[in-house]
Amino acid sequence: MGKVLVAYATRGGTARDIAEAVGSVLRSTGHQVLVADLKSRPSVDGAALVVLGSGINAGSWYQEATAWVAAEEGALREVSVAVFNACLNAADPAKRVESLAYNASMAQRLGAEASESFAGRFVPERVSWWRRWFLHTMQKPMQDNLDLGAVRAWASTLDVPSSAV
């Protein structure tokens, strides 16, 4: 079975919860999985698949995700990659294309084999005062749209090569 790195950037914890669910599914099928916050700067070494995710701020991946990709880009081009994001827009079926588009540049840059957008959550106590204020001005109420069943279903479609390339 292959080794998998599931790495994420998060503010309120949603991308972490998604990453942990993905890791759990892949472990249940016999893969060796490391789930890591990108702030810890995990290594790609030995991974056959890297599942990379980020929360979204103003249509963009978080800075620690883009910085980590820049630092690890050479290694990431040598392994299979899947990407995901967590955003409030993904909860609205009319914004499905828009929420998936947040992954487009990262998916293209890394040659990602899979890309998904998962509905996020806004829990005021779990985000910065700036984000609370911004969402308040946008009249966004507290909400939790995360569907871990959808996350697990997507994770079960990921192909893990038997060894790193």
N, C-alpha and C. Protein backbone atom coordinates (compact mmCIF):
# COMPACT_ATOMS: atom_id res chain seq x y z
N MET A 1 0.83 -1.19 0.00
CA MET A 1 0.00 0.00 0.00
C MET A 1 0.88 1.25 0.00
N GLY A 2 0.33 2.33 -0.53
CA GLY A 2 1.10 3.55 -0.68
C GLY A 2 1.08 4.44 0.55
N LYS A 3 2.05 5.34 0.59
CA LYS A 3 2.11 6.36 1.64
C LYS A 3 1.41 7.61 1.13
N VAL A 4 0.67 8.24 2.03
CA VAL A 4 -0.12 9.41 1.67
C VAL A 4 0.15 10.53 2.67
N LEU A 5 0.34 11.74 2.13
CA LEU A 5 0.40 12.94 2.95
C LEU A 5 -0.88 13.72 2.68
N VAL A 6 -1.65 13.98 3.73
CA VAL A 6 -2.83 14.83 3.63
C VAL A 6 -2.47 16.11 4.40
N ALA A 7 -2.27 17.19 3.66
CA ALA A 7 -1.79 18.44 4.26
C ALA A 7 -2.82 19.54 4.04
N TYR A 8 -2.94 20.42 5.02
CA TYR A 8 -4.00 21.43 4.97
C TYR A 8 -3.57 22.75 5.59
N ALA A 9 -4.26 23.81 5.15
CA ALA A 9 -4.15 25.14 5.76
C ALA A 9 -5.55 25.52 6.23
N THR A 10 -5.66 25.97 7.46
CA THR A 10 -6.98 26.26 8.02
C THR A 10 -6.93 27.47 8.93
N ARG A 11 -8.07 28.10 9.10
CA ARG A 11 -8.23 29.18 10.08
C ARG A 11 -9.21 28.73 11.16
N GLY A 12 -10.36 28.25 10.75
CA GLY A 12 -11.41 27.87 11.69
C GLY A 12 -11.51 26.39 11.94
N GLY A 13 -10.66 25.59 11.32
CA GLY A 13 -10.64 24.15 11.57
C GLY A 13 -11.35 23.29 10.54
N THR A 14 -12.06 23.87 9.60
CA THR A 14 -12.80 23.07 8.64
C THR A 14 -11.88 22.25 7.74
N ALA A 15 -10.84 22.87 7.19
CA ALA A 15 -9.92 22.12 6.32
C ALA A 15 -9.24 21.00 7.10
N ARG A 16 -8.96 21.23 8.38
CA ARG A 16 -8.38 20.17 9.21
C ARG A 16 -9.36 19.01 9.35
N ASP A 17 -10.62 19.31 9.61
CA ASP A 17 -11.62 18.25 9.75
C ASP A 17 -11.78 17.46 8.46
N ILE A 18 -11.72 18.15 7.33
CA ILE A 18 -11.78 17.47 6.04
C ILE A 18 -10.56 16.58 5.86
N ALA A 19 -9.39 17.13 6.15
CA ALA A 19 -8.15 16.36 6.00
C ALA A 19 -8.17 15.11 6.88
N GLU A 20 -8.64 15.24 8.10
CA GLU A 20 -8.70 14.08 9.00
C GLU A 20 -9.67 13.02 8.47
N ALA A 21 -10.79 13.45 7.89
CA ALA A 21 -11.75 12.49 7.32
C ALA A 21 -11.14 11.78 6.11
N VAL A 22 -10.44 12.53 5.25
CA VAL A 22 -9.76 11.93 4.10
C VAL A 22 -8.73 10.92 4.59
N GLY A 23 -7.94 11.32 5.58
CA GLY A 23 -6.93 10.42 6.13
C GLY A 23 -7.52 9.15 6.69
N SER A 24 -8.63 9.27 7.38
CA SER A 24 -9.30 8.11 7.97
C SER A 24 -9.75 7.12 6.89
N VAL A 25 -10.34 7.64 5.82
CA VAL A 25 -10.78 6.76 4.72
C VAL A 25 -9.59 6.04 4.10
N LEU A 26 -8.51 6.77 3.85
CA LEU A 26 -7.35 6.15 3.20
C LEU A 26 -6.66 5.15 4.13
N ARG A 27 -6.62 5.44 5.43
CA ARG A 27 -6.07 4.47 6.39
C ARG A 27 -6.91 3.19 6.41
N SER A 28 -8.23 3.34 6.31
CA SER A 28 -9.12 2.18 6.39
C SER A 28 -8.93 1.23 5.21
N THR A 29 -8.31 1.72 4.15
CA THR A 29 -8.04 0.86 3.00
C THR A 29 -6.59 0.38 2.99
N GLY A 30 -5.90 0.58 4.10
CA GLY A 30 -4.58 0.01 4.28
C GLY A 30 -3.40 0.91 3.97
N HIS A 31 -3.65 2.16 3.65
CA HIS A 31 -2.55 3.07 3.33
C HIS A 31 -1.95 3.67 4.59
N GLN A 32 -0.68 4.01 4.50
CA GLN A 32 0.01 4.70 5.59
C GLN A 32 -0.20 6.19 5.36
N VAL A 33 -0.84 6.87 6.31
CA VAL A 33 -1.27 8.26 6.10
C VAL A 33 -0.72 9.16 7.20
N LEU A 34 -0.20 10.31 6.77
CA LEU A 34 0.17 11.38 7.68
C LEU A 34 -0.74 12.57 7.37
N VAL A 35 -1.48 13.04 8.37
CA VAL A 35 -2.29 14.25 8.23
C VAL A 35 -1.52 15.36 8.94
N ALA A 36 -1.25 16.47 8.21
CA ALA A 36 -0.39 17.51 8.78
C ALA A 36 -0.86 18.91 8.41
N ASP A 37 -0.79 19.81 9.38
CA ASP A 37 -1.03 21.23 9.15
C ASP A 37 0.17 21.77 8.37
N LEU A 38 -0.08 22.55 7.34
CA LEU A 38 1.01 23.08 6.53
C LEU A 38 1.91 24.02 7.32
N LYS A 39 1.44 24.55 8.44
CA LYS A 39 2.30 25.38 9.29
C LYS A 39 3.49 24.58 9.82
N SER A 40 3.35 23.25 9.89
CA SER A 40 4.45 22.40 10.36
C SER A 40 5.42 22.06 9.24
N ARG A 41 5.14 22.53 8.02
CA ARG A 41 6.01 22.32 6.85
C ARG A 41 6.35 20.85 6.63
N PRO A 42 5.34 20.01 6.42
CA PRO A 42 5.60 18.57 6.24
C PRO A 42 6.37 18.30 4.95
N SER A 43 7.07 17.19 4.95
CA SER A 43 7.86 16.78 3.79
C SER A 43 7.04 15.88 2.88
N VAL A 44 7.25 16.02 1.59
CA VAL A 44 6.61 15.17 0.59
C VAL A 44 7.35 13.84 0.46
N ASP A 45 8.57 13.76 0.94
CA ASP A 45 9.42 12.58 0.77
C ASP A 45 8.70 11.29 1.12
N GLY A 46 8.73 10.35 0.18
CA GLY A 46 8.15 9.03 0.40
C GLY A 46 6.68 8.91 0.09
N ALA A 47 6.00 10.03 -0.11
CA ALA A 47 4.56 9.98 -0.38
C ALA A 47 4.32 9.56 -1.83
N ALA A 48 3.33 8.70 -2.02
CA ALA A 48 2.88 8.34 -3.37
C ALA A 48 1.75 9.27 -3.80
N LEU A 49 1.00 9.77 -2.81
CA LEU A 49 -0.10 10.70 -3.06
C LEU A 49 -0.04 11.81 -2.02
N VAL A 50 -0.22 13.04 -2.49
CA VAL A 50 -0.37 14.19 -1.60
C VAL A 50 -1.77 14.76 -1.84
N VAL A 51 -2.55 14.80 -0.77
CA VAL A 51 -3.87 15.44 -0.81
C VAL A 51 -3.68 16.77 -0.10
N LEU A 52 -3.90 17.85 -0.83
CA LEU A 52 -3.59 19.18 -0.35
C LEU A 52 -4.86 20.01 -0.29
N GLY A 53 -5.12 20.62 0.87
CA GLY A 53 -6.33 21.41 1.01
C GLY A 53 -6.11 22.72 1.73
N SER A 54 -7.04 23.63 1.50
CA SER A 54 -6.96 24.95 2.12
C SER A 54 -8.35 25.54 2.29
N GLY A 55 -8.48 26.35 3.30
CA GLY A 55 -9.63 27.22 3.38
C GLY A 55 -9.47 28.31 2.32
N ILE A 56 -10.53 29.05 2.10
CA ILE A 56 -10.53 30.10 1.07
C ILE A 56 -10.78 31.45 1.72
N ASN A 57 -10.00 32.43 1.30
CA ASN A 57 -10.19 33.81 1.74
C ASN A 57 -10.21 34.69 0.51
N ALA A 58 -11.34 35.35 0.27
CA ALA A 58 -11.49 36.24 -0.89
C ALA A 58 -11.12 35.53 -2.19
N GLY A 59 -11.53 34.28 -2.32
CA GLY A 59 -11.33 33.53 -3.55
C GLY A 59 -9.97 32.89 -3.71
N SER A 60 -9.12 32.97 -2.70
CA SER A 60 -7.76 32.44 -2.81
C SER A 60 -7.44 31.47 -1.68
N TRP A 61 -6.52 30.56 -1.98
CA TRP A 61 -6.01 29.65 -0.96
C TRP A 61 -5.22 30.46 0.07
N TYR A 62 -5.14 29.94 1.29
CA TYR A 62 -4.39 30.61 2.34
C TYR A 62 -2.90 30.67 1.99
N GLN A 63 -2.25 31.72 2.49
CA GLN A 63 -0.85 31.98 2.17
C GLN A 63 0.07 30.84 2.56
N GLU A 64 -0.17 30.19 3.69
CA GLU A 64 0.74 29.11 4.08
C GLU A 64 0.66 27.93 3.12
N ALA A 65 -0.49 27.75 2.46
CA ALA A 65 -0.61 26.69 1.46
C ALA A 65 0.18 27.05 0.21
N THR A 66 0.02 28.27 -0.27
CA THR A 66 0.74 28.64 -1.49
C THR A 66 2.25 28.71 -1.25
N ALA A 67 2.66 29.15 -0.06
CA ALA A 67 4.09 29.19 0.26
C ALA A 67 4.67 27.79 0.34
N TRP A 68 3.94 26.85 0.95
CA TRP A 68 4.42 25.47 1.05
C TRP A 68 4.53 24.85 -0.33
N VAL A 69 3.55 25.09 -1.18
CA VAL A 69 3.61 24.56 -2.54
C VAL A 69 4.82 25.12 -3.27
N ALA A 70 5.09 26.40 -3.13
CA ALA A 70 6.26 26.99 -3.78
C ALA A 70 7.55 26.32 -3.31
N ALA A 71 7.63 26.03 -2.02
CA ALA A 71 8.83 25.39 -1.47
C ALA A 71 8.96 23.93 -1.87
N GLU A 72 7.83 23.24 -2.05
CA GLU A 72 7.83 21.80 -2.33
C GLU A 72 7.46 21.46 -3.77
N GLU A 73 7.38 22.46 -4.63
CA GLU A 73 6.84 22.25 -5.98
C GLU A 73 7.56 21.16 -6.75
N GLY A 74 8.88 21.13 -6.69
CA GLY A 74 9.63 20.09 -7.40
C GLY A 74 9.23 18.70 -6.95
N ALA A 75 9.15 18.48 -5.65
CA ALA A 75 8.76 17.18 -5.12
C ALA A 75 7.30 16.86 -5.46
N LEU A 76 6.44 17.86 -5.43
CA LEU A 76 5.02 17.64 -5.72
C LEU A 76 4.79 17.23 -7.17
N ARG A 77 5.65 17.66 -8.06
CA ARG A 77 5.52 17.29 -9.47
C ARG A 77 5.89 15.82 -9.72
N GLU A 78 6.49 15.19 -8.73
CA GLU A 78 6.93 13.80 -8.86
C GLU A 78 5.94 12.80 -8.27
N VAL A 79 4.88 13.28 -7.66
CA VAL A 79 3.90 12.40 -7.01
C VAL A 79 2.49 12.72 -7.51
N SER A 80 1.56 11.84 -7.23
CA SER A 80 0.16 12.12 -7.52
C SER A 80 -0.35 13.15 -6.52
N VAL A 81 -1.20 14.04 -7.01
CA VAL A 81 -1.72 15.12 -6.17
C VAL A 81 -3.23 15.23 -6.35
N ALA A 82 -3.92 15.47 -5.26
CA ALA A 82 -5.35 15.81 -5.27
C ALA A 82 -5.48 17.07 -4.42
N VAL A 83 -6.41 17.95 -4.79
CA VAL A 83 -6.59 19.19 -4.05
C VAL A 83 -8.05 19.37 -3.63
N PHE A 84 -8.24 20.07 -2.53
CA PHE A 84 -9.58 20.42 -2.08
C PHE A 84 -9.56 21.78 -1.42
N ASN A 85 -10.72 22.39 -1.36
CA ASN A 85 -10.86 23.60 -0.57
C ASN A 85 -12.10 23.49 0.31
N ALA A 86 -12.14 24.35 1.31
CA ALA A 86 -13.31 24.47 2.18
C ALA A 86 -13.75 25.92 2.11
N CYS A 87 -15.00 26.13 1.68
CA CYS A 87 -15.48 27.51 1.58
C CYS A 87 -17.00 27.56 1.74
N LEU A 88 -17.48 28.67 2.21
CA LEU A 88 -18.91 28.84 2.40
C LEU A 88 -19.67 28.80 1.08
N ASN A 89 -19.06 29.29 0.00
CA ASN A 89 -19.75 29.29 -1.30
C ASN A 89 -20.12 27.90 -1.77
N ALA A 90 -19.37 26.89 -1.38
CA ALA A 90 -19.65 25.53 -1.85
C ALA A 90 -20.99 25.01 -1.33
N ALA A 91 -21.55 25.66 -0.34
CA ALA A 91 -22.86 25.24 0.18
C ALA A 91 -24.00 25.60 -0.77
N ASP A 92 -23.73 26.51 -1.69
CA ASP A 92 -24.75 26.98 -2.63
C ASP A 92 -24.56 26.29 -3.98
N PRO A 93 -25.48 25.42 -4.39
CA PRO A 93 -25.33 24.72 -5.68
C PRO A 93 -25.13 25.68 -6.86
N ALA A 94 -25.67 26.88 -6.78
CA ALA A 94 -25.49 27.85 -7.86
C ALA A 94 -24.06 28.37 -7.94
N LYS A 95 -23.28 28.16 -6.87
CA LYS A 95 -21.89 28.63 -6.84
C LYS A 95 -20.89 27.48 -6.93
N ARG A 96 -21.35 26.30 -7.35
CA ARG A 96 -20.48 25.12 -7.45
C ARG A 96 -19.28 25.38 -8.36
N VAL A 97 -19.54 25.90 -9.54
CA VAL A 97 -18.45 26.16 -10.50
C VAL A 97 -17.47 27.17 -9.91
N GLU A 98 -17.99 28.20 -9.28
CA GLU A 98 -17.14 29.22 -8.66
C GLU A 98 -16.28 28.62 -7.55
N SER A 99 -16.87 27.80 -6.70
CA SER A 99 -16.10 27.24 -5.58
C SER A 99 -15.04 26.26 -6.07
N LEU A 100 -15.32 25.50 -7.11
CA LEU A 100 -14.30 24.62 -7.69
C LEU A 100 -13.19 25.43 -8.37
N ALA A 101 -13.55 26.57 -8.94
CA ALA A 101 -12.56 27.41 -9.63
C ALA A 101 -11.49 27.93 -8.68
N TYR A 102 -11.79 28.00 -7.38
CA TYR A 102 -10.77 28.43 -6.42
C TYR A 102 -9.56 27.49 -6.43
N ASN A 103 -9.76 26.26 -6.88
CA ASN A 103 -8.67 25.28 -6.95
C ASN A 103 -7.93 25.31 -8.28
N ALA A 104 -8.47 25.98 -9.28
CA ALA A 104 -7.98 25.84 -10.65
C ALA A 104 -6.48 26.10 -10.80
N SER A 105 -5.99 27.20 -10.28
CA SER A 105 -4.57 27.49 -10.49
C SER A 105 -3.68 26.49 -9.77
N MET A 106 -4.07 26.08 -8.56
CA MET A 106 -3.28 25.10 -7.83
C MET A 106 -3.33 23.74 -8.52
N ALA A 107 -4.50 23.34 -8.96
CA ALA A 107 -4.65 22.05 -9.65
C ALA A 107 -3.83 22.03 -10.93
N GLN A 108 -3.89 23.10 -11.68
CA GLN A 108 -3.12 23.17 -12.92
C GLN A 108 -1.63 23.20 -12.63
N ARG A 109 -1.22 24.00 -11.68
CA ARG A 109 0.19 24.13 -11.32
C ARG A 109 0.80 22.78 -10.95
N LEU A 110 0.03 21.94 -10.24
CA LEU A 110 0.55 20.68 -9.72
C LEU A 110 0.12 19.47 -10.54
N GLY A 111 -0.67 19.68 -11.57
CA GLY A 111 -1.17 18.54 -12.35
C GLY A 111 -2.05 17.63 -11.52
N ALA A 112 -2.89 18.23 -10.69
CA ALA A 112 -3.73 17.45 -9.78
C ALA A 112 -4.65 16.51 -10.54
N GLU A 113 -4.77 15.30 -10.01
CA GLU A 113 -5.63 14.28 -10.61
C GLU A 113 -7.06 14.38 -10.11
N ALA A 114 -7.28 15.09 -9.02
CA ALA A 114 -8.62 15.26 -8.47
C ALA A 114 -8.70 16.62 -7.80
N SER A 115 -9.88 17.22 -7.87
CA SER A 115 -10.11 18.53 -7.27
C SER A 115 -11.55 18.57 -6.75
N GLU A 116 -11.71 19.09 -5.53
CA GLU A 116 -13.05 19.17 -4.95
C GLU A 116 -13.16 20.40 -4.07
N SER A 117 -14.38 20.86 -3.91
CA SER A 117 -14.70 21.97 -3.02
C SER A 117 -15.78 21.50 -2.05
N PHE A 118 -15.53 21.69 -0.77
CA PHE A 118 -16.48 21.26 0.25
C PHE A 118 -17.06 22.47 0.97
N ALA A 119 -18.34 22.39 1.26
CA ALA A 119 -19.00 23.47 1.99
C ALA A 119 -18.36 23.62 3.37
N GLY A 120 -18.09 24.85 3.74
CA GLY A 120 -17.41 25.10 4.99
C GLY A 120 -18.35 25.48 6.11
N ARG A 121 -17.75 26.10 7.11
CA ARG A 121 -18.54 26.53 8.26
C ARG A 121 -18.04 27.89 8.71
N PHE A 122 -18.93 28.60 9.35
CA PHE A 122 -18.58 29.86 10.01
C PHE A 122 -19.06 29.76 11.44
N VAL A 123 -18.13 29.56 12.33
CA VAL A 123 -18.40 29.51 13.76
C VAL A 123 -17.58 30.66 14.36
N PRO A 124 -18.25 31.74 14.77
CA PRO A 124 -17.53 32.94 15.18
C PRO A 124 -16.39 32.71 16.18
N GLU A 125 -16.59 31.81 17.14
CA GLU A 125 -15.55 31.59 18.16
C GLU A 125 -14.29 30.96 17.57
N ARG A 126 -14.37 30.40 16.37
CA ARG A 126 -13.22 29.69 15.80
C ARG A 126 -12.48 30.49 14.75
N VAL A 127 -12.86 31.75 14.56
CA VAL A 127 -12.17 32.56 13.55
C VAL A 127 -11.73 33.88 14.17
N SER A 128 -10.84 34.56 13.47
CA SER A 128 -10.30 35.83 13.97
C SER A 128 -11.37 36.91 14.02
N TRP A 129 -11.13 37.93 14.81
CA TRP A 129 -12.09 39.03 14.90
C TRP A 129 -12.28 39.68 13.54
N TRP A 130 -11.21 39.76 12.75
CA TRP A 130 -11.30 40.36 11.41
C TRP A 130 -12.27 39.57 10.53
N ARG A 131 -12.15 38.25 10.55
CA ARG A 131 -13.03 37.40 9.75
C ARG A 131 -14.47 37.51 10.27
N ARG A 132 -14.65 37.56 11.59
CA ARG A 132 -16.00 37.73 12.15
C ARG A 132 -16.62 39.04 11.66
N TRP A 133 -15.83 40.11 11.73
CA TRP A 133 -16.32 41.40 11.29
C TRP A 133 -16.68 41.37 9.81
N PHE A 134 -15.80 40.81 8.98
CA PHE A 134 -16.04 40.73 7.54
C PHE A 134 -17.33 39.97 7.24
N LEU A 135 -17.48 38.81 7.86
CA LEU A 135 -18.68 38.01 7.60
C LEU A 135 -19.94 38.68 8.16
N HIS A 136 -19.78 39.41 9.25
CA HIS A 136 -20.91 40.18 9.78
C HIS A 136 -21.34 41.24 8.77
N THR A 137 -20.38 41.95 8.18
CA THR A 137 -20.74 42.98 7.19
C THR A 137 -21.37 42.36 5.95
N MET A 138 -21.05 41.10 5.67
CA MET A 138 -21.65 40.39 4.53
C MET A 138 -22.98 39.74 4.94
N GLN A 139 -23.38 39.96 6.19
CA GLN A 139 -24.62 39.41 6.75
C GLN A 139 -24.64 37.89 6.70
N LYS A 140 -23.49 37.28 7.00
CA LYS A 140 -23.39 35.82 7.04
C LYS A 140 -23.64 35.35 8.47
N PRO A 141 -24.68 34.58 8.70
CA PRO A 141 -24.94 34.06 10.04
C PRO A 141 -24.02 32.87 10.33
N MET A 142 -23.95 32.50 11.60
CA MET A 142 -23.23 31.30 11.97
C MET A 142 -23.82 30.14 11.17
N GLN A 143 -22.95 29.29 10.64
CA GLN A 143 -23.43 28.16 9.84
C GLN A 143 -22.39 27.05 9.82
N ASP A 144 -22.87 25.83 9.70
CA ASP A 144 -21.99 24.67 9.56
C ASP A 144 -22.57 23.81 8.45
N ASN A 145 -21.96 23.91 7.28
CA ASN A 145 -22.42 23.19 6.11
C ASN A 145 -21.54 21.99 5.77
N LEU A 146 -20.56 21.70 6.60
CA LEU A 146 -19.62 20.62 6.30
C LEU A 146 -20.35 19.28 6.26
N ASP A 147 -20.19 18.57 5.15
CA ASP A 147 -20.79 17.26 4.94
C ASP A 147 -19.67 16.23 4.90
N LEU A 148 -19.38 15.64 6.05
CA LEU A 148 -18.28 14.67 6.10
C LEU A 148 -18.58 13.42 5.28
N GLY A 149 -19.85 13.11 5.05
CA GLY A 149 -20.20 12.01 4.16
C GLY A 149 -19.71 12.28 2.74
N ALA A 150 -19.87 13.51 2.28
CA ALA A 150 -19.38 13.89 0.95
C ALA A 150 -17.86 13.84 0.91
N VAL A 151 -17.22 14.25 1.99
CA VAL A 151 -15.75 14.18 2.07
C VAL A 151 -15.29 12.73 1.96
N ARG A 152 -15.90 11.85 2.75
CA ARG A 152 -15.51 10.43 2.72
C ARG A 152 -15.77 9.81 1.35
N ALA A 153 -16.87 10.18 0.72
CA ALA A 153 -17.16 9.65 -0.62
C ALA A 153 -16.09 10.08 -1.61
N TRP A 154 -15.67 11.34 -1.56
CA TRP A 154 -14.61 11.81 -2.45
C TRP A 154 -13.30 11.10 -2.14
N ALA A 155 -12.97 10.99 -0.87
CA ALA A 155 -11.72 10.32 -0.48
C ALA A 155 -11.67 8.90 -1.01
N SER A 156 -12.80 8.23 -1.03
CA SER A 156 -12.82 6.83 -1.50
C SER A 156 -12.55 6.72 -2.99
N THR A 157 -12.62 7.83 -3.73
CA THR A 157 -12.34 7.80 -5.17
C THR A 157 -10.87 8.06 -5.48
N LEU A 158 -10.10 8.47 -4.49
CA LEU A 158 -8.71 8.83 -4.74
C LEU A 158 -7.87 7.59 -5.00
N ASP A 159 -7.04 7.67 -6.02
CA ASP A 159 -6.17 6.56 -6.40
C ASP A 159 -4.80 6.77 -5.75
N VAL A 160 -4.40 5.81 -4.94
CA VAL A 160 -3.10 5.89 -4.27
C VAL A 160 -2.14 4.92 -4.96
N PRO A 161 -1.13 5.45 -5.66
CA PRO A 161 -0.14 4.56 -6.27
C PRO A 161 0.53 3.71 -5.20
N SER A 162 1.00 2.53 -5.57
CA SER A 162 1.58 1.62 -4.58
C SER A 162 2.91 2.12 -4.04
N SER A 163 3.60 2.97 -4.78
CA SER A 163 4.85 3.53 -4.28
C SER A 163 5.09 4.88 -4.94
N ALA A 164 5.95 5.69 -4.33
CA ALA A 164 6.26 7.00 -4.89
C ALA A 164 6.95 6.84 -6.23
N VAL A 165 6.71 7.79 -7.12
CA VAL A 165 7.31 7.78 -8.45
C VAL A 165 8.76 8.15 -8.36
